[in-house]
Amino acid sequence: TFFRDTFTGQSERQRIETLAARRGSLDWWLSLSAGEQDSTLTYQRVLRWKGAVASHTTHARVAEQQPQWAPQVKKVNLLRTRYAAMAFAPPPADQRELWQKELQQLRDKKEDAEAELARASKKNSLTPSLEPQSAEILTALPSGTVFVDFLRYEKCDPKSKQFAAGGETHYVAFVLRSGTGVQRVELGAAKTIELEVDTWRAALQSGDDAKLRTANDALWNALLKPLAPQLRGGGALVVSLDGALNRLPLAALRPPGSDAYLIESRAIAVVPSARQVVELFSANRANIIPPSFLAVGGVEYPGQTEPIENAPAPAPIFAAALKNLSPLPGTLLETEQAAAVYRRSFAKENVVLLAGKDASERRVATELAKKPRFVHLATH
């Protein structure tokens, strides 16, 4: 209730700040509940936090499609465009102070307009529940599919009545699987895991296979081995990441001693939060967006493209960068392969492949306006 009522009158940035300011209470609860047999109540608290801002942002976008909000939506979008253009076009040093003052004023106007739109939509019963219930997620999951919700939290002293800022940071996983309920698995100190992520990325970039294998095995043992009992069966795996884990392509890990990547043994999907799990497996999802696939690659970058009517001009800093974009030959093959795989899997569904001069800004915008269910963009 607190977040629902508070978020209604806030911009997205203000919502993020609100979550950060009150995060200590969640960390304290996670520390206090460690070792409990039933993790359902604890996970419900996690659901209230993780994805809360994204949930409201999604809701706002749905509200923006309502005809009655057209004037307010137009005002919000205009302020967003002006703010973005100004933010990415800093002036010379002698004009910087005035620029910062005007930028702050523009941000305040933008956030006031966003909050006004949010309040108006609430009055008309468009505000959804902030989070799904764990039972709702378990019901939505197909048989054999596992959802793993990773969370980074600051471990506090359960005996303390304070939120203990400065405690050791850990990672925990909440595992949901139909028929087994909610299971909590502690993964260990964040410092160690995040160092292993950095080591893996460095080894990948260096091309040193021996170092990559060592780093791979360390991450597998830290993140996936503790979940082995819950992941048995080889069904689809859906994950929501947190912290430094967002910089790790989990599907690219290999079991120690194996050359097969995780993605080769099971289907994997990454979602921002648990809310998308319910949406992903909703029985009516096929009726929401018509079956279609848009693939864009092998784009030509001709110093730039024809302008789109009513679209804002890019900020000067972007306009200069666009003129220097080099071709990416490999993206054409990538896009063709993606389209071919999709056609083999969904022969009756519509596929639009845009490449070369056909992949113009205007054409891509036109196809995106048709709201394809899947989009593959292989560009800079």
Protein backbone atom coordinates (compact mmCIF):
# COMPACT_ATOMS: atom_id res chain seq x y z
CA THR A 1 0.00 0.00 0.00
CA PHE A 2 2.84 2.41 0.84
CA PHE A 3 4.50 2.03 -2.56
CA ARG A 4 1.21 2.11 -4.44
CA ASP A 5 0.13 5.34 -2.77
CA THR A 6 3.57 6.97 -2.84
CA PHE A 7 4.49 6.01 -6.40
CA THR A 8 1.22 7.38 -7.73
CA GLY A 9 2.42 10.93 -7.16
CA GLN A 10 6.05 10.42 -8.21
CA SER A 11 8.16 10.38 -11.35
CA GLU A 12 10.25 7.32 -12.21
CA ARG A 13 13.44 8.85 -10.76
CA GLN A 14 11.64 9.72 -7.53
CA ARG A 15 10.30 6.16 -7.26
CA ILE A 16 13.83 4.75 -7.56
CA GLU A 17 15.00 7.11 -4.82
CA THR A 18 12.08 6.06 -2.60
CA LEU A 19 12.98 2.40 -2.99
CA ALA A 20 16.65 3.10 -2.20
CA ALA A 21 15.75 5.09 0.91
CA ARG A 22 13.66 2.27 2.34
CA ARG A 23 15.75 -0.67 1.17
CA GLY A 24 17.18 -1.28 4.65
CA SER A 25 13.87 -2.69 5.87
CA LEU A 26 13.94 -5.42 3.21
CA ASP A 27 17.56 -6.31 3.99
CA TRP A 28 16.74 -6.58 7.68
CA TRP A 29 13.76 -8.85 6.98
CA LEU A 30 15.85 -11.09 4.71
CA SER A 31 18.47 -11.41 7.44
CA LEU A 32 15.88 -12.11 10.13
CA SER A 33 14.07 -14.78 8.10
CA ALA A 34 17.16 -16.75 7.02
CA GLY A 35 16.74 -20.43 7.81
CA GLU A 36 12.94 -20.45 7.85
CA GLN A 37 11.30 -23.56 6.44
CA ASP A 38 8.67 -21.66 4.47
CA SER A 39 10.01 -18.76 2.39
CA THR A 40 6.67 -17.70 0.91
CA LEU A 41 6.12 -14.68 3.16
CA THR A 42 9.71 -13.48 2.76
CA TYR A 43 9.54 -13.79 -1.00
CA GLN A 44 6.31 -11.81 -1.06
CA ARG A 45 8.22 -8.93 0.48
CA VAL A 46 10.87 -9.29 -2.22
CA LEU A 47 8.15 -9.10 -4.87
CA ARG A 48 7.03 -5.75 -3.46
CA TRP A 49 10.49 -4.34 -4.12
CA LYS A 50 11.90 -5.98 -7.18
CA GLY A 51 10.22 -4.70 -10.29
CA ALA A 52 8.04 -2.17 -8.46
CA VAL A 53 9.31 0.79 -10.51
CA ALA A 54 9.16 -1.18 -13.76
CA SER A 55 5.60 -2.22 -12.93
CA HIS A 56 4.49 1.37 -12.55
CA THR A 57 6.37 2.39 -15.69
CA THR A 58 4.61 -0.35 -17.66
CA HIS A 59 1.28 0.74 -16.22
CA ALA A 60 2.00 4.34 -17.19
CA ARG A 61 2.66 3.27 -20.77
CA VAL A 62 -0.65 1.41 -20.86
CA ALA A 63 -2.41 4.50 -19.51
CA GLU A 64 -0.72 6.63 -22.16
CA GLN A 65 -2.53 4.63 -24.84
CA GLN A 66 -5.94 5.72 -23.51
CA PRO A 67 -7.54 8.45 -25.69
CA GLN A 68 -8.60 10.53 -22.69
CA TRP A 69 -4.96 11.06 -21.71
CA ALA A 70 -3.82 12.28 -25.15
CA PRO A 71 -3.24 15.97 -24.17
CA GLN A 72 -1.37 15.06 -20.98
CA VAL A 73 0.64 12.35 -22.74
CA LYS A 74 1.64 14.81 -25.46
CA LYS A 75 2.79 17.26 -22.78
CA VAL A 76 4.83 14.58 -20.97
CA ASN A 77 6.48 13.32 -24.16
CA LEU A 78 7.38 16.83 -25.26
CA LEU A 79 9.04 17.56 -21.90
CA ARG A 80 10.89 14.22 -22.00
CA THR A 81 12.18 14.99 -25.48
CA ARG A 82 13.31 18.48 -24.55
CA TYR A 83 14.99 17.21 -21.38
CA ALA A 84 16.85 14.41 -23.21
CA ALA A 85 18.00 16.72 -26.01
CA MET A 86 19.25 19.32 -23.52
CA ALA A 87 20.93 16.78 -21.23
CA PHE A 88 23.03 15.38 -24.09
CA ALA A 89 24.06 18.76 -25.46
CA PRO A 90 26.22 20.37 -22.74
CA PRO A 91 27.41 23.90 -23.59
CA PRO A 92 30.91 25.38 -23.26
CA ALA A 93 32.28 25.72 -19.74
CA ASP A 94 31.39 29.41 -19.42
CA GLN A 95 27.70 28.60 -20.00
CA ARG A 96 27.56 25.45 -17.89
CA GLU A 97 26.10 27.00 -14.72
CA LEU A 98 23.08 28.46 -16.53
CA TRP A 99 22.63 25.21 -18.48
CA GLN A 100 22.52 23.18 -15.26
CA LYS A 101 19.95 25.53 -13.75
CA GLU A 102 17.70 25.34 -16.81
CA LEU A 103 18.15 21.56 -16.99
CA GLN A 104 17.01 21.22 -13.37
CA GLN A 105 13.95 23.38 -14.04
CA LEU A 106 13.07 21.29 -17.09
CA ARG A 107 13.47 18.06 -15.12
CA ASP A 108 11.12 19.38 -12.42
CA LYS A 109 8.49 20.25 -15.04
CA LYS A 110 8.84 16.81 -16.63
CA GLU A 111 8.47 15.00 -13.31
CA ASP A 112 5.48 17.13 -12.29
CA ALA A 113 3.77 16.23 -15.58
CA GLU A 114 4.56 12.51 -15.11
CA ALA A 115 3.15 12.58 -11.58
CA GLU A 116 0.03 14.39 -12.77
CA LEU A 117 -0.59 11.71 -15.39
CA ALA A 118 -0.08 8.97 -12.79
CA ARG A 119 -2.56 10.56 -10.38
CA ALA A 120 -5.13 10.99 -13.12
CA SER A 121 -4.88 7.34 -14.15
CA LYS A 122 -5.33 6.19 -10.54
CA LYS A 123 -8.61 8.09 -10.24
CA ASN A 124 -9.90 6.04 -13.15
CA SER A 125 -8.99 2.66 -11.65
CA LEU A 126 -6.06 2.03 -13.97
CA THR A 127 -3.55 1.36 -11.18
CA PRO A 128 -2.69 -2.36 -10.97
CA SER A 129 -1.34 -4.38 -8.08
CA LEU A 130 2.34 -3.63 -7.63
CA GLU A 131 3.40 -7.24 -7.54
CA PRO A 132 2.05 -10.69 -8.35
CA GLN A 133 1.52 -13.18 -5.56
CA SER A 134 3.89 -16.14 -5.38
CA ALA A 135 0.91 -18.47 -5.86
CA GLU A 136 0.08 -16.61 -9.08
CA ILE A 137 3.61 -17.20 -10.37
CA LEU A 138 3.56 -20.88 -9.45
CA THR A 139 0.23 -21.32 -11.21
CA ALA A 140 1.53 -19.60 -14.36
CA LEU A 141 4.69 -21.72 -14.61
CA PRO A 142 4.34 -24.68 -17.00
CA SER A 143 5.19 -28.12 -15.65
CA GLY A 144 8.97 -28.57 -15.43
CA THR A 145 9.74 -24.85 -15.81
CA VAL A 146 11.76 -23.25 -13.04
CA PHE A 147 11.87 -19.57 -12.12
CA VAL A 148 14.95 -18.34 -10.21
CA ASP A 149 14.79 -14.84 -8.74
CA PHE A 150 18.27 -13.64 -7.74
CA LEU A 151 18.62 -10.82 -5.21
CA ARG A 152 21.58 -8.90 -3.79
CA TYR A 153 21.06 -7.82 -0.18
CA GLU A 154 22.97 -6.48 2.80
CA LYS A 155 23.13 -9.04 5.55
CA CYS A 156 22.24 -7.54 8.92
CA ASP A 157 22.52 -8.73 12.49
CA PRO A 158 19.09 -10.29 13.23
CA LYS A 159 19.46 -9.33 16.90
CA SER A 160 19.76 -5.67 16.03
CA LYS A 161 16.67 -3.48 15.73
CA GLN A 162 18.49 -1.28 13.24
CA PHE A 163 18.99 -1.86 9.54
CA ALA A 164 22.75 -2.16 10.04
CA ALA A 165 24.21 -0.18 7.15
CA GLY A 166 27.67 -1.43 6.28
CA GLY A 167 26.95 -5.13 6.73
CA GLU A 168 28.28 -7.82 4.41
CA THR A 169 26.46 -8.03 1.10
CA HIS A 170 25.22 -11.43 -0.08
CA TYR A 171 23.34 -13.00 -2.97
CA VAL A 172 20.27 -15.16 -2.45
CA ALA A 173 18.08 -17.05 -4.92
CA PHE A 174 14.37 -17.70 -4.57
CA VAL A 175 13.39 -20.74 -6.64
CA LEU A 176 9.81 -21.30 -7.77
CA ARG A 177 8.64 -24.47 -9.43
CA SER A 178 5.12 -25.79 -9.78
CA GLY A 179 4.44 -28.36 -7.08
CA THR A 180 7.35 -27.36 -4.82
CA GLY A 181 6.43 -23.85 -3.65
CA VAL A 182 9.05 -21.19 -2.89
CA GLN A 183 12.55 -22.30 -1.89
CA ARG A 184 15.31 -19.99 -0.68
CA VAL A 185 18.97 -20.75 -1.44
CA GLU A 186 21.80 -18.62 -0.03
CA LEU A 187 24.62 -18.21 -2.57
CA GLY A 188 27.31 -16.48 -0.55
CA ALA A 189 29.19 -13.20 -0.28
CA ALA A 190 28.59 -10.71 -3.08
CA LYS A 191 32.23 -9.61 -3.01
CA THR A 192 33.41 -13.07 -4.00
CA ILE A 193 30.74 -13.65 -6.65
CA GLU A 194 31.22 -10.22 -8.23
CA LEU A 195 34.98 -10.74 -8.41
CA GLU A 196 34.31 -14.02 -10.21
CA VAL A 197 32.03 -12.23 -12.68
CA ASP A 198 34.75 -9.66 -13.42
CA THR A 199 37.33 -12.44 -13.80
CA TRP A 200 35.10 -14.35 -16.23
CA ARG A 201 34.50 -11.26 -18.37
CA ALA A 202 38.22 -10.42 -18.44
CA ALA A 203 39.11 -13.99 -19.42
CA LEU A 204 36.50 -13.96 -22.18
CA GLN A 205 37.90 -10.74 -23.62
CA SER A 206 41.49 -11.97 -23.40
CA GLY A 207 40.74 -15.16 -25.32
CA ASP A 208 42.59 -17.26 -22.74
CA ASP A 209 40.58 -20.48 -22.70
CA ALA A 210 42.30 -21.88 -19.60
CA LYS A 211 41.50 -18.79 -17.55
CA LEU A 212 37.97 -18.72 -18.95
CA ARG A 213 37.43 -22.34 -17.92
CA THR A 214 38.66 -21.64 -14.39
CA ALA A 215 36.45 -18.57 -14.06
CA ASN A 216 33.51 -20.48 -15.57
CA ASP A 217 33.83 -23.31 -13.05
CA ALA A 218 33.98 -20.85 -10.15
CA LEU A 219 30.78 -19.14 -11.27
CA TRP A 220 29.00 -22.41 -11.96
CA ASN A 221 29.85 -23.66 -8.48
CA ALA A 222 28.77 -20.38 -6.90
CA LEU A 223 25.50 -19.80 -8.77
CA LEU A 224 24.18 -23.02 -10.31
CA LYS A 225 25.58 -25.89 -8.29
CA PRO A 226 23.68 -24.79 -5.14
CA LEU A 227 20.49 -24.82 -7.25
CA ALA A 228 21.06 -28.30 -8.73
CA PRO A 229 18.29 -30.01 -6.71
CA GLN A 230 15.76 -27.39 -7.82
CA LEU A 231 16.92 -27.40 -11.48
CA ARG A 232 16.66 -31.15 -11.99
CA GLY A 233 14.78 -32.35 -15.03
CA GLY A 234 16.16 -30.09 -17.74
CA GLY A 235 13.00 -28.02 -18.22
CA ALA A 236 12.97 -24.37 -19.20
CA LEU A 237 14.75 -21.93 -16.89
CA VAL A 238 13.52 -18.38 -16.33
CA VAL A 239 15.76 -16.03 -14.33
CA SER A 240 15.54 -12.52 -12.96
CA LEU A 241 19.02 -11.18 -12.18
CA ASP A 242 20.28 -8.54 -9.78
CA GLY A 243 23.44 -6.55 -9.15
CA ALA A 244 26.57 -7.67 -11.01
CA LEU A 245 24.77 -10.76 -12.27
CA ASN A 246 23.17 -8.52 -14.87
CA ARG A 247 26.61 -8.39 -16.51
CA LEU A 248 26.81 -12.17 -16.76
CA PRO A 249 25.16 -14.12 -19.64
CA LEU A 250 24.11 -17.11 -17.55
CA ALA A 251 23.32 -19.11 -20.68
CA ALA A 252 27.03 -18.98 -21.66
CA LEU A 253 28.20 -20.91 -18.59
CA ARG A 254 29.26 -24.55 -18.93
CA PRO A 255 29.11 -27.36 -16.35
CA PRO A 256 32.63 -28.08 -15.05
CA GLY A 257 34.33 -30.60 -17.34
CA SER A 258 31.84 -30.08 -20.18
CA ASP A 259 32.11 -28.18 -23.46
CA ALA A 260 28.32 -27.77 -23.75
CA TYR A 261 26.89 -24.40 -22.78
CA LEU A 262 23.88 -24.20 -20.48
CA ILE A 263 21.73 -22.90 -23.35
CA GLU A 264 22.37 -26.16 -25.21
CA SER A 265 20.73 -28.25 -22.50
CA ARG A 266 17.68 -26.16 -21.64
CA ALA A 267 15.69 -23.16 -22.84
CA ILE A 268 16.56 -19.99 -20.90
CA ALA A 269 14.69 -16.69 -20.59
CA VAL A 270 15.76 -13.57 -18.68
CA VAL A 271 13.04 -11.29 -17.30
CA PRO A 272 13.30 -7.98 -15.39
CA SER A 273 11.08 -9.20 -12.54
CA ALA A 274 8.54 -11.82 -11.51
CA ARG A 275 5.68 -9.82 -13.01
CA GLN A 276 6.96 -10.71 -16.50
CA VAL A 277 6.84 -14.42 -15.59
CA VAL A 278 3.08 -14.19 -15.20
CA GLU A 279 2.79 -12.21 -18.43
CA LEU A 280 5.11 -14.60 -20.29
CA PHE A 281 3.07 -17.67 -19.46
CA SER A 282 -0.37 -16.11 -19.42
CA ALA A 283 -2.94 -18.35 -21.11
CA ASN A 284 -4.23 -15.37 -23.08
CA ARG A 285 -0.88 -13.91 -24.16
CA ALA A 286 -1.30 -15.10 -27.77
CA ASN A 287 -4.32 -12.85 -28.08
CA ILE A 288 -2.51 -9.75 -26.85
CA ILE A 289 -0.08 -9.27 -29.76
CA PRO A 290 -0.55 -10.85 -33.22
CA PRO A 291 2.11 -13.47 -34.05
CA SER A 292 4.99 -11.72 -35.82
CA PHE A 293 8.77 -11.32 -35.89
CA LEU A 294 10.81 -8.28 -36.95
CA ALA A 295 14.52 -8.77 -37.69
CA VAL A 296 16.84 -5.85 -38.49
CA GLY A 297 20.52 -6.19 -39.43
CA GLY A 298 23.18 -5.40 -42.02
CA VAL A 299 22.14 -1.77 -41.70
CA GLU A 300 23.71 0.86 -43.94
CA TYR A 301 24.71 4.02 -42.09
CA PRO A 302 24.79 6.78 -44.75
CA GLY A 303 25.85 9.71 -42.65
CA GLN A 304 22.47 9.63 -41.58
CA THR A 305 18.94 8.86 -42.48
CA GLU A 306 15.92 10.74 -43.72
CA PRO A 307 14.08 12.45 -40.86
CA ILE A 308 10.82 11.00 -39.58
CA GLU A 309 7.85 13.36 -39.53
CA ASN A 310 7.20 14.85 -36.07
CA ALA A 311 10.19 13.01 -34.59
CA PRO A 312 12.60 15.14 -32.52
CA ALA A 313 15.99 15.83 -34.04
CA PRO A 314 18.84 14.05 -32.26
CA ALA A 315 20.89 16.10 -29.83
CA PRO A 316 24.09 17.49 -31.41
CA ILE A 317 26.29 15.03 -29.53
CA PHE A 318 24.28 12.15 -31.04
CA ALA A 319 24.07 13.65 -34.52
CA ALA A 320 27.88 13.82 -34.70
CA ALA A 321 28.24 10.23 -33.56
CA LEU A 322 25.70 8.92 -36.08
CA LYS A 323 27.79 10.22 -38.99
CA ASN A 324 30.73 8.02 -37.99
CA LEU A 325 28.99 4.65 -37.58
CA SER A 326 30.78 1.87 -39.44
CA PRO A 327 29.04 -1.11 -41.13
CA LEU A 328 28.66 -4.36 -39.17
CA PRO A 329 28.83 -7.10 -41.85
CA GLY A 330 28.30 -9.93 -39.38
CA THR A 331 24.91 -8.59 -38.36
CA LEU A 332 23.38 -9.47 -41.74
CA LEU A 333 24.24 -13.14 -41.31
CA GLU A 334 23.08 -13.00 -37.69
CA THR A 335 19.72 -11.52 -38.68
CA GLU A 336 19.18 -13.97 -41.55
CA GLN A 337 19.92 -16.90 -39.24
CA ALA A 338 17.55 -15.57 -36.57
CA ALA A 339 14.77 -15.18 -39.16
CA ALA A 340 15.44 -18.69 -40.52
CA VAL A 341 15.27 -20.25 -37.05
CA TYR A 342 12.03 -18.42 -36.36
CA ARG A 343 10.50 -19.56 -39.66
CA ARG A 344 11.40 -23.18 -38.90
CA SER A 345 9.83 -22.98 -35.46
CA PHE A 346 6.77 -20.88 -36.35
CA ALA A 347 6.09 -21.51 -40.02
CA LYS A 348 2.69 -19.79 -40.02
CA GLU A 349 3.78 -16.59 -38.32
CA ASN A 350 4.70 -13.38 -40.13
CA VAL A 351 8.42 -12.54 -40.49
CA VAL A 352 9.75 -9.16 -41.63
CA LEU A 353 13.48 -9.01 -42.41
CA LEU A 354 14.99 -5.56 -42.96
CA ALA A 355 18.58 -5.22 -44.21
CA GLY A 356 20.71 -2.78 -46.18
CA LYS A 357 18.84 0.29 -47.40
CA ASP A 358 15.53 -1.32 -46.43
CA ALA A 359 16.56 -1.02 -42.79
CA SER A 360 16.00 2.73 -42.77
CA GLU A 361 14.93 4.59 -39.68
CA ARG A 362 11.54 5.32 -41.25
CA ARG A 363 10.91 1.68 -42.25
CA VAL A 364 11.95 0.31 -38.87
CA ALA A 365 9.72 2.83 -37.10
CA THR A 366 6.81 1.83 -39.36
CA GLU A 367 7.26 -1.87 -38.58
CA LEU A 368 7.67 -1.25 -34.85
CA ALA A 369 4.39 0.71 -34.88
CA LYS A 370 2.70 -2.58 -35.90
CA LYS A 371 3.83 -3.98 -32.52
CA PRO A 372 5.49 -7.28 -33.54
CA ARG A 373 5.59 -9.87 -30.79
CA PHE A 374 9.35 -10.46 -31.21
CA VAL A 375 12.03 -8.00 -32.36
CA HIS A 376 15.68 -8.78 -33.17
CA LEU A 377 17.85 -5.68 -33.66
CA ALA A 378 21.46 -6.25 -34.74
CA THR A 379 22.90 -2.73 -34.87
CA HIS A 380 25.31 -0.44 -33.06
